[in-house]
Amino acid sequence: RSLLIDEIIVATSVEELDDPVEELTRDLGVGCFRGSEADVLSRVVGALKAFDVDIHAEFMGDNPIPDPMLVDSFIGYYLKNADHCDYVTNAMKITYPPGAEVYVYSAATLYDAESRVTDPALREHVAINIDQYPERYKLRNLEAPPWFRFPNLHFEVDTQEDFEVVSAIFEHLYPGNPGFGLAQVLEFVIANPELVSRNSGVSRRWKKYRQG
């Protein structure tokens, strides 16, 4: 439903467990690239090269509720400011609900960042290999407007508790409105605080890389 994305590419692993992912991409008519399960950085770099990508809008598989209007606003910001901006995100400082992250950058920027990674642990991640180096790249973190500023609500899927929360959101919203966005998600969970309390105490590994 994005108006600014030209092509969808799924970058999954070469493991047999992910064969159904590739089968689904064929059914949906979208691109698929398969690479290392652990070295996610090399996998995404491989996908960008294989499909000759110029500008990359990145979304992670464990963030299953992307809002296309939000996505297009970030892509639009990048395109308007590309001359003095290498990377646009809302993930460097958490003001949107975690799980609503958007990352937009040129493929060339990620290629450069990958060439400089020396810590193997960082290859599990992609965009943080750009945003940890403000002295090298021109970074922009876009903060949430008041109506989206809920940094303590979590819509990512890392644990069973997260899966229960996101499943409940889909079960409630999708049948009547398959094009639902972040505004509808927030309206639902704010009216059902017991739902988001299920995963409010989950420890998040990514917090050490981001401002609270």
Protein backbone atom coordinates (compact mmCIF):
# COMPACT_ATOMS: atom_id res chain seq x y z
CA ARG A 1 0.00 0.00 0.00
CA SER A 2 3.04 2.28 -0.01
CA LEU A 3 2.95 4.75 -2.88
CA LEU A 4 6.74 5.23 -2.94
CA ILE A 5 8.11 1.68 -2.78
CA ASP A 6 8.86 0.24 -6.22
CA GLU A 7 9.73 -3.33 -5.27
CA ILE A 8 9.41 -5.63 -2.27
CA ILE A 9 12.31 -7.98 -1.51
CA VAL A 10 12.31 -10.56 1.27
CA ALA A 11 15.78 -11.42 2.58
CA THR A 12 15.51 -14.75 4.38
CA SER A 13 17.98 -17.45 5.35
CA VAL A 14 19.23 -20.50 3.43
CA GLU A 15 17.99 -22.78 6.21
CA GLU A 16 15.38 -25.40 5.29
CA LEU A 17 13.10 -23.93 7.94
CA ASP A 18 12.69 -20.85 5.72
CA ASP A 19 11.74 -22.72 2.54
CA PRO A 20 8.07 -21.78 3.13
CA VAL A 21 9.09 -18.12 3.18
CA GLU A 22 10.52 -18.40 -0.31
CA GLU A 23 7.43 -20.30 -1.47
CA LEU A 24 5.24 -17.50 -0.13
CA THR A 25 7.24 -14.85 -1.98
CA ARG A 26 6.66 -16.76 -5.23
CA ASP A 27 2.93 -16.90 -4.52
CA LEU A 28 2.87 -13.16 -3.79
CA GLY A 29 5.05 -12.26 -6.75
CA VAL A 30 7.70 -10.48 -4.69
CA GLY A 31 11.49 -10.80 -4.73
CA CYS A 32 13.39 -13.19 -2.51
CA PHE A 33 17.07 -13.46 -1.58
CA ARG A 34 18.50 -16.15 0.68
CA GLY A 35 21.67 -15.81 2.71
CA SER A 36 23.22 -16.41 6.11
CA GLU A 37 20.86 -16.83 9.04
CA ALA A 38 23.29 -15.35 11.60
CA ASP A 39 25.08 -12.79 9.42
CA VAL A 40 22.03 -10.65 8.69
CA LEU A 41 24.17 -7.76 7.49
CA SER A 42 25.70 -9.83 4.67
CA ARG A 43 22.27 -11.21 3.81
CA VAL A 44 20.74 -7.76 3.35
CA VAL A 45 23.78 -6.49 1.47
CA GLY A 46 23.50 -9.53 -0.80
CA ALA A 47 19.82 -8.80 -1.44
CA LEU A 48 20.51 -5.17 -2.34
CA LYS A 49 23.25 -6.19 -4.77
CA ALA A 50 21.26 -9.05 -6.31
CA PHE A 51 18.31 -6.76 -7.06
CA ASP A 52 20.42 -3.71 -7.95
CA VAL A 53 18.79 -1.56 -5.26
CA ASP A 54 19.53 2.15 -5.14
CA ILE A 55 17.52 3.32 -2.09
CA HIS A 56 16.53 0.85 0.60
CA ALA A 57 13.54 1.14 2.95
CA GLU A 58 14.21 -1.51 5.59
CA PHE A 59 11.67 -3.31 7.76
CA MET A 60 12.48 -6.24 10.01
CA GLY A 61 10.54 -9.48 10.01
CA ASP A 62 9.87 -9.23 13.73
CA ASN A 63 8.10 -5.86 13.22
CA PRO A 64 4.95 -7.10 11.46
CA ILE A 65 2.81 -3.94 11.58
CA PRO A 66 4.41 -1.40 9.23
CA ASP A 67 2.22 1.65 8.57
CA PRO A 68 2.40 2.55 4.84
CA MET A 69 1.60 6.22 5.44
CA LEU A 70 4.41 6.42 7.98
CA VAL A 71 6.72 4.56 5.61
CA ASP A 72 5.99 6.97 2.77
CA SER A 73 6.54 10.00 4.99
CA PHE A 74 10.04 8.74 5.86
CA ILE A 75 10.87 7.88 2.25
CA GLY A 76 9.59 11.31 1.20
CA TYR A 77 11.76 13.01 3.82
CA TYR A 78 14.82 11.11 2.59
CA LEU A 79 14.17 11.96 -1.07
CA LYS A 80 13.71 15.64 -0.30
CA ASN A 81 16.87 15.78 1.81
CA ALA A 82 19.13 13.24 0.08
CA ASP A 83 21.78 15.84 -0.73
CA HIS A 84 22.56 16.30 2.96
CA CYS A 85 21.20 13.14 4.53
CA ASP A 86 22.55 9.56 4.32
CA TYR A 87 20.09 7.84 6.62
CA VAL A 88 16.59 8.53 7.97
CA THR A 89 14.98 6.54 10.77
CA ASN A 90 12.89 6.75 13.91
CA ALA A 91 14.95 4.08 15.69
CA MET A 92 17.93 6.00 17.07
CA LYS A 93 15.80 7.63 19.75
CA ILE A 94 12.67 5.71 20.66
CA THR A 95 9.60 7.93 20.51
CA TYR A 96 7.36 5.77 18.31
CA PRO A 97 6.22 2.40 19.72
CA PRO A 98 8.99 -0.19 19.20
CA GLY A 99 7.89 -2.30 16.28
CA ALA A 100 7.04 0.76 14.16
CA GLU A 101 10.64 1.33 13.04
CA VAL A 102 11.43 2.62 9.57
CA TYR A 103 14.94 2.88 8.06
CA VAL A 104 15.68 4.59 4.75
CA TYR A 105 19.17 4.88 3.27
CA SER A 106 21.09 4.36 0.05
CA ALA A 107 22.50 0.94 -0.69
CA ALA A 108 25.91 2.59 -1.12
CA THR A 109 25.77 3.76 2.50
CA LEU A 110 25.18 0.22 3.76
CA TYR A 111 27.95 -1.16 1.53
CA ASP A 112 30.36 1.33 3.06
CA ALA A 113 29.19 0.53 6.59
CA GLU A 114 29.56 -3.22 6.04
CA SER A 115 33.13 -2.81 4.85
CA ARG A 116 34.00 -1.26 8.22
CA VAL A 117 32.41 -3.81 10.56
CA THR A 118 35.08 -5.59 12.62
CA ASP A 119 32.94 -6.93 15.49
CA PRO A 120 31.27 -10.21 14.41
CA ALA A 121 28.44 -9.61 16.91
CA LEU A 122 27.37 -6.54 14.95
CA ARG A 123 26.73 -8.61 11.83
CA GLU A 124 23.51 -9.85 13.42
CA HIS A 125 22.22 -6.30 12.87
CA VAL A 126 21.89 -4.12 9.79
CA ALA A 127 21.02 -0.45 10.24
CA ILE A 128 22.81 0.04 13.55
CA ASN A 129 26.06 -0.37 11.65
CA ILE A 130 25.19 2.98 10.08
CA ASP A 131 23.61 4.89 12.94
CA GLN A 132 26.42 4.21 15.42
CA TYR A 133 28.75 6.45 13.36
CA PRO A 134 27.43 10.03 13.27
CA GLU A 135 30.94 11.26 12.50
CA ARG A 136 30.90 9.40 9.17
CA TYR A 137 27.26 9.46 8.03
CA LYS A 138 24.68 12.25 8.01
CA LEU A 139 21.93 10.85 10.22
CA ARG A 140 18.35 12.00 10.85
CA ASN A 141 16.11 10.61 13.57
CA LEU A 142 12.49 11.68 13.13
CA GLU A 143 10.55 11.84 16.38
CA ALA A 144 6.92 10.89 16.80
CA PRO A 145 4.16 13.50 16.90
CA PRO A 146 2.19 13.49 20.17
CA TRP A 147 -0.50 11.15 18.82
CA PHE A 148 2.10 8.47 18.00
CA ARG A 149 4.42 9.05 20.96
CA PHE A 150 4.07 5.80 22.90
CA PRO A 151 7.63 4.49 23.37
CA ASN A 152 6.58 2.10 26.14
CA LEU A 153 4.19 0.08 23.96
CA HIS A 154 5.83 -2.82 22.13
CA PHE A 155 4.56 -4.17 18.80
CA GLU A 156 7.62 -6.22 17.88
CA VAL A 157 7.71 -10.03 18.08
CA ASP A 158 10.69 -11.37 20.03
CA THR A 159 8.92 -13.52 22.63
CA GLN A 160 5.76 -15.55 23.18
CA GLU A 161 4.26 -12.58 25.04
CA ASP A 162 4.93 -10.34 22.04
CA PHE A 163 3.33 -12.88 19.72
CA GLU A 164 0.19 -12.93 21.87
CA VAL A 165 -0.07 -9.13 21.76
CA VAL A 166 0.43 -8.83 18.00
CA SER A 167 -1.86 -11.81 17.32
CA ALA A 168 -4.63 -10.14 19.32
CA ILE A 169 -4.16 -6.93 17.33
CA PHE A 170 -4.49 -8.77 14.00
CA GLU A 171 -7.43 -10.86 15.18
CA HIS A 172 -9.30 -7.72 16.22
CA LEU A 173 -8.43 -5.34 13.39
CA TYR A 174 -7.62 -7.35 10.27
CA PRO A 175 -11.02 -8.96 9.49
CA GLY A 176 -12.82 -5.62 9.28
CA ASN A 177 -9.91 -3.45 8.13
CA PRO A 178 -7.01 -5.35 6.52
CA GLY A 179 -5.36 -2.01 5.73
CA PHE A 180 -5.16 -0.91 9.37
CA GLY A 181 -2.30 1.34 10.46
CA LEU A 182 -0.59 2.52 13.61
CA ALA A 183 -3.42 4.87 14.60
CA GLN A 184 -5.91 1.99 14.72
CA VAL A 185 -3.45 -0.21 16.62
CA LEU A 186 -2.94 2.45 19.27
CA GLU A 187 -6.66 3.08 19.62
CA PHE A 188 -7.23 -0.64 20.21
CA VAL A 189 -4.44 -1.27 22.71
CA ILE A 190 -5.07 1.92 24.68
CA ALA A 191 -8.64 0.71 25.16
CA ASN A 192 -7.27 -2.68 26.28
CA PRO A 193 -4.38 -1.96 28.68
CA GLU A 194 -4.37 -5.52 29.98
CA LEU A 195 -3.22 -6.63 26.53
CA VAL A 196 -0.05 -4.54 26.37
CA SER A 197 0.76 -5.35 29.99
CA ARG A 198 1.56 -8.88 28.78
CA ASN A 199 4.85 -7.84 27.19
CA SER A 200 5.64 -4.64 29.07
CA GLY A 201 8.27 -6.36 31.22
CA VAL A 202 10.18 -8.09 28.42
CA SER A 203 13.91 -7.26 28.32
CA ARG A 204 14.99 -5.80 24.94
CA ARG A 205 18.55 -6.40 23.69
CA TRP A 206 18.40 -3.49 21.25
CA LYS A 207 18.03 -0.87 23.99
CA LYS A 208 21.79 -0.62 24.43
CA TYR A 209 22.02 0.74 20.87
CA ARG A 210 19.29 3.37 21.18
CA GLN A 211 18.40 6.43 23.17
CA GLY A 212 15.39 6.00 25.42
